[in-house]
Amino acid sequence: MDAAAPGPGAAVHSGASFPAMRAAKVPRSLVAGPYGHPFHPVAVTIPIGAWSSSLVFDLLGLAADDPRSFAAGSRRLIVIGLVGAVGASVLGLMDMSRIPKGTPARRTALVHLALNVTAMVLFTLSLVARMLDLARVPMVAFLLSLIASSGLGVSGWLGGKLAYRWGVRVADENTQREGFEKT
């Protein structure tokens, strides 16, 4: 069986001919990115990168004789991640608003949203714990960030499922075909 082919019994619909799917491909507004090129996946690289880097700074701070500079760097990276997450959230909500209610894609988007909000709350709590002890990386703050990052990993997998399996905000197959036709 071809690994790229849908499984047995899978319904095959073209994005162009299946209205519920077509709706999820069209941007809410130009702010969300043009058709076939959403901005949400680009925007999420800011919080993911900042928070991943903050964990590296945490590990260095936990191992260092003088952890102050690593602790300060980690705090700054968490703030950058939180600011970036707000922007990514707005774009994600715009994309989610186009997914029809009552669909598996909508339920997946809601779990994706809940995991991301939880991560933002945990990183905020981690930042508060860090502000109470500026001289080092508090273990509770590190653990909160680690838990939040684990949730982000699951959320990212769900976001990939939304885009790559169900084609949310991905151009329909007729548009995609243009990239594979010989001219």
Protein backbone atom coordinates (compact mmCIF):
# COMPACT_ATOMS: atom_id res chain seq x y z
CA MET A 1 0.00 0.00 0.00
CA ASP A 2 1.26 3.46 -0.87
CA ALA A 3 2.22 5.31 2.33
CA ALA A 4 0.88 8.57 0.89
CA ALA A 5 -2.54 7.12 0.06
CA PRO A 6 -5.45 7.46 2.48
CA GLY A 7 -6.32 4.38 4.52
CA PRO A 8 -9.05 1.91 3.60
CA GLY A 9 -12.52 3.33 3.80
CA ALA A 10 -11.24 6.91 3.95
CA ALA A 11 -13.45 9.41 2.22
CA VAL A 12 -11.58 11.27 -0.48
CA HIS A 13 -12.74 14.82 -1.10
CA SER A 14 -11.01 17.58 -2.99
CA GLY A 15 -10.62 20.73 -0.94
CA ALA A 16 -12.16 22.61 -3.84
CA SER A 17 -15.32 20.49 -3.84
CA PHE A 18 -15.88 19.97 -0.10
CA PRO A 19 -17.39 23.21 1.32
CA ALA A 20 -16.53 22.68 5.01
CA MET A 21 -12.89 22.07 4.11
CA ARG A 22 -12.81 24.99 1.69
CA ALA A 23 -14.01 27.35 4.44
CA ALA A 24 -11.08 26.35 6.68
CA LYS A 25 -8.62 27.16 3.88
CA VAL A 26 -9.75 30.76 3.37
CA PRO A 27 -8.27 33.43 5.67
CA ARG A 28 -10.54 35.38 8.01
CA SER A 29 -8.74 38.56 6.90
CA LEU A 30 -5.49 39.53 5.21
CA VAL A 31 -3.98 39.98 8.69
CA ALA A 32 -4.08 36.16 9.05
CA GLY A 33 -2.03 35.82 5.86
CA PRO A 34 -3.03 35.37 2.23
CA TYR A 35 -4.73 32.26 0.88
CA GLY A 36 -2.39 29.28 1.09
CA HIS A 37 0.18 31.12 3.23
CA PRO A 38 -1.02 31.64 6.83
CA PHE A 39 1.02 33.73 9.25
CA HIS A 40 0.22 31.66 12.38
CA PRO A 41 2.84 28.94 11.66
CA VAL A 42 5.46 31.65 11.15
CA ALA A 43 4.49 33.54 14.30
CA VAL A 44 4.71 30.48 16.56
CA THR A 45 8.44 30.25 15.91
CA ILE A 46 8.98 33.25 18.21
CA PRO A 47 7.55 31.76 21.43
CA ILE A 48 8.79 28.26 20.62
CA GLY A 49 12.31 29.50 19.94
CA ALA A 50 12.39 31.85 22.93
CA TRP A 51 11.01 29.28 25.37
CA SER A 52 13.27 26.51 24.07
CA SER A 53 16.25 28.82 24.47
CA SER A 54 15.12 29.74 27.99
CA LEU A 55 15.33 26.04 28.92
CA VAL A 56 18.91 25.93 27.64
CA PHE A 57 19.72 28.99 29.75
CA ASP A 58 18.03 27.29 32.72
CA LEU A 59 20.18 24.19 32.33
CA LEU A 60 23.31 26.32 32.05
CA GLY A 61 22.20 28.35 35.09
CA LEU A 62 21.54 25.23 37.14
CA ALA A 63 25.05 23.96 36.33
CA ALA A 64 26.91 27.28 36.67
CA ASP A 65 28.83 28.51 39.71
CA ASP A 66 27.36 31.97 39.13
CA PRO A 67 23.91 31.51 37.54
CA ARG A 68 22.81 35.18 37.57
CA SER A 69 23.45 35.94 33.88
CA PHE A 70 21.80 32.71 32.75
CA ALA A 71 18.83 33.34 35.06
CA ALA A 72 18.47 36.88 33.66
CA GLY A 73 18.70 35.61 30.08
CA SER A 74 16.08 32.97 30.75
CA ARG A 75 13.69 35.55 32.23
CA ARG A 76 14.09 37.79 29.19
CA LEU A 77 13.51 34.89 26.83
CA ILE A 78 10.34 33.91 28.67
CA VAL A 79 9.03 37.48 28.34
CA ILE A 80 9.86 37.47 24.60
CA GLY A 81 8.04 34.14 24.31
CA LEU A 82 4.96 35.46 26.11
CA VAL A 83 4.77 38.56 23.91
CA GLY A 84 5.23 36.41 20.79
CA ALA A 85 2.62 33.94 22.02
CA VAL A 86 0.01 36.71 22.26
CA GLY A 87 0.57 37.59 18.60
CA ALA A 88 0.59 33.95 17.52
CA SER A 89 -2.61 33.38 19.52
CA VAL A 90 -4.46 36.15 17.71
CA LEU A 91 -3.46 34.68 14.35
CA GLY A 92 -4.34 31.16 15.50
CA LEU A 93 -7.78 32.27 16.69
CA MET A 94 -8.40 33.86 13.30
CA ASP A 95 -7.52 30.59 11.58
CA MET A 96 -9.58 28.52 14.03
CA SER A 97 -12.63 30.73 13.46
CA ARG A 98 -12.79 29.40 9.89
CA ILE A 99 -13.01 25.74 10.98
CA PRO A 100 -16.64 24.58 11.07
CA LYS A 101 -18.04 23.68 14.50
CA GLY A 102 -18.74 20.03 15.25
CA THR A 103 -15.84 18.73 13.15
CA PRO A 104 -12.82 16.71 14.29
CA ALA A 105 -10.62 19.56 13.04
CA ARG A 106 -12.45 22.04 15.31
CA ARG A 107 -12.14 19.74 18.34
CA THR A 108 -8.43 19.30 17.62
CA ALA A 109 -8.03 23.06 17.28
CA LEU A 110 -9.70 23.55 20.67
CA VAL A 111 -7.31 21.09 22.35
CA HIS A 112 -4.40 22.83 20.56
CA LEU A 113 -5.68 26.16 21.92
CA ALA A 114 -6.12 24.82 25.46
CA LEU A 115 -2.59 23.40 25.53
CA ASN A 116 -1.15 26.70 24.30
CA VAL A 117 -3.07 28.76 26.85
CA THR A 118 -1.94 26.36 29.58
CA ALA A 119 1.66 26.78 28.42
CA MET A 120 1.31 30.56 28.54
CA VAL A 121 -0.06 30.39 32.08
CA LEU A 122 2.73 28.01 33.20
CA PHE A 123 5.43 30.20 31.66
CA THR A 124 3.87 33.23 33.37
CA LEU A 125 3.94 31.43 36.72
CA SER A 126 7.52 30.39 36.02
CA LEU A 127 8.40 34.03 35.36
CA VAL A 128 6.77 35.11 38.64
CA ALA A 129 8.79 32.48 40.54
CA ARG A 130 11.95 33.74 38.84
CA MET A 131 11.21 37.35 39.77
CA LEU A 132 11.15 36.30 43.43
CA ASP A 133 14.73 34.98 43.18
CA LEU A 134 16.80 36.93 40.64
CA ALA A 135 20.13 35.41 41.65
CA ARG A 136 19.47 31.88 40.37
CA VAL A 137 17.12 29.60 38.43
CA PRO A 138 14.55 28.41 40.98
CA MET A 139 13.84 24.70 40.57
CA VAL A 140 10.06 25.26 40.65
CA ALA A 141 10.39 27.80 37.81
CA PHE A 142 12.47 25.36 35.78
CA LEU A 143 9.95 22.55 36.35
CA LEU A 144 7.03 24.78 35.34
CA SER A 145 8.86 25.69 32.13
CA LEU A 146 9.67 22.05 31.47
CA ILE A 147 6.02 21.01 31.89
CA ALA A 148 4.87 23.89 29.69
CA SER A 149 7.37 22.90 27.00
CA SER A 150 6.13 19.31 27.07
CA GLY A 151 2.59 20.55 26.50
CA LEU A 152 3.84 22.71 23.64
CA GLY A 153 5.31 19.61 22.01
CA VAL A 154 1.90 17.92 22.05
CA SER A 155 0.25 21.12 20.87
CA GLY A 156 2.71 21.42 17.98
CA TRP A 157 1.91 17.86 16.93
CA LEU A 158 -1.79 18.76 16.92
CA GLY A 159 -1.08 21.92 14.94
CA GLY A 160 0.77 19.80 12.40
CA LYS A 161 -2.22 17.48 12.22
CA LEU A 162 -4.50 20.44 11.53
CA ALA A 163 -2.29 21.72 8.72
CA TYR A 164 -0.76 18.63 7.17
CA ARG A 165 -3.47 16.03 7.67
CA TRP A 166 -6.61 18.16 7.42
CA GLY A 167 -5.24 21.06 5.38
CA VAL A 168 -6.43 23.92 7.58
CA ARG A 169 -5.29 27.13 5.85
CA VAL A 170 -3.44 25.06 3.22
CA ALA A 171 -4.28 25.74 -0.42
CA ASP A 172 -6.63 23.20 -1.99
CA GLU A 173 -5.37 20.41 -4.24
CA ASN A 174 -6.23 22.24 -7.44
CA THR A 175 -4.01 25.14 -6.37
CA GLN A 176 -1.29 22.75 -5.15
CA ARG A 177 -1.32 20.96 -8.49
CA GLU A 178 0.07 24.14 -10.15
CA GLY A 179 3.41 23.48 -8.44
CA PHE A 180 3.70 20.03 -10.01
CA GLU A 181 2.59 20.69 -13.57
CA LYS A 182 5.39 20.91 -16.10
CA THR A 183 5.42 24.12 -18.08
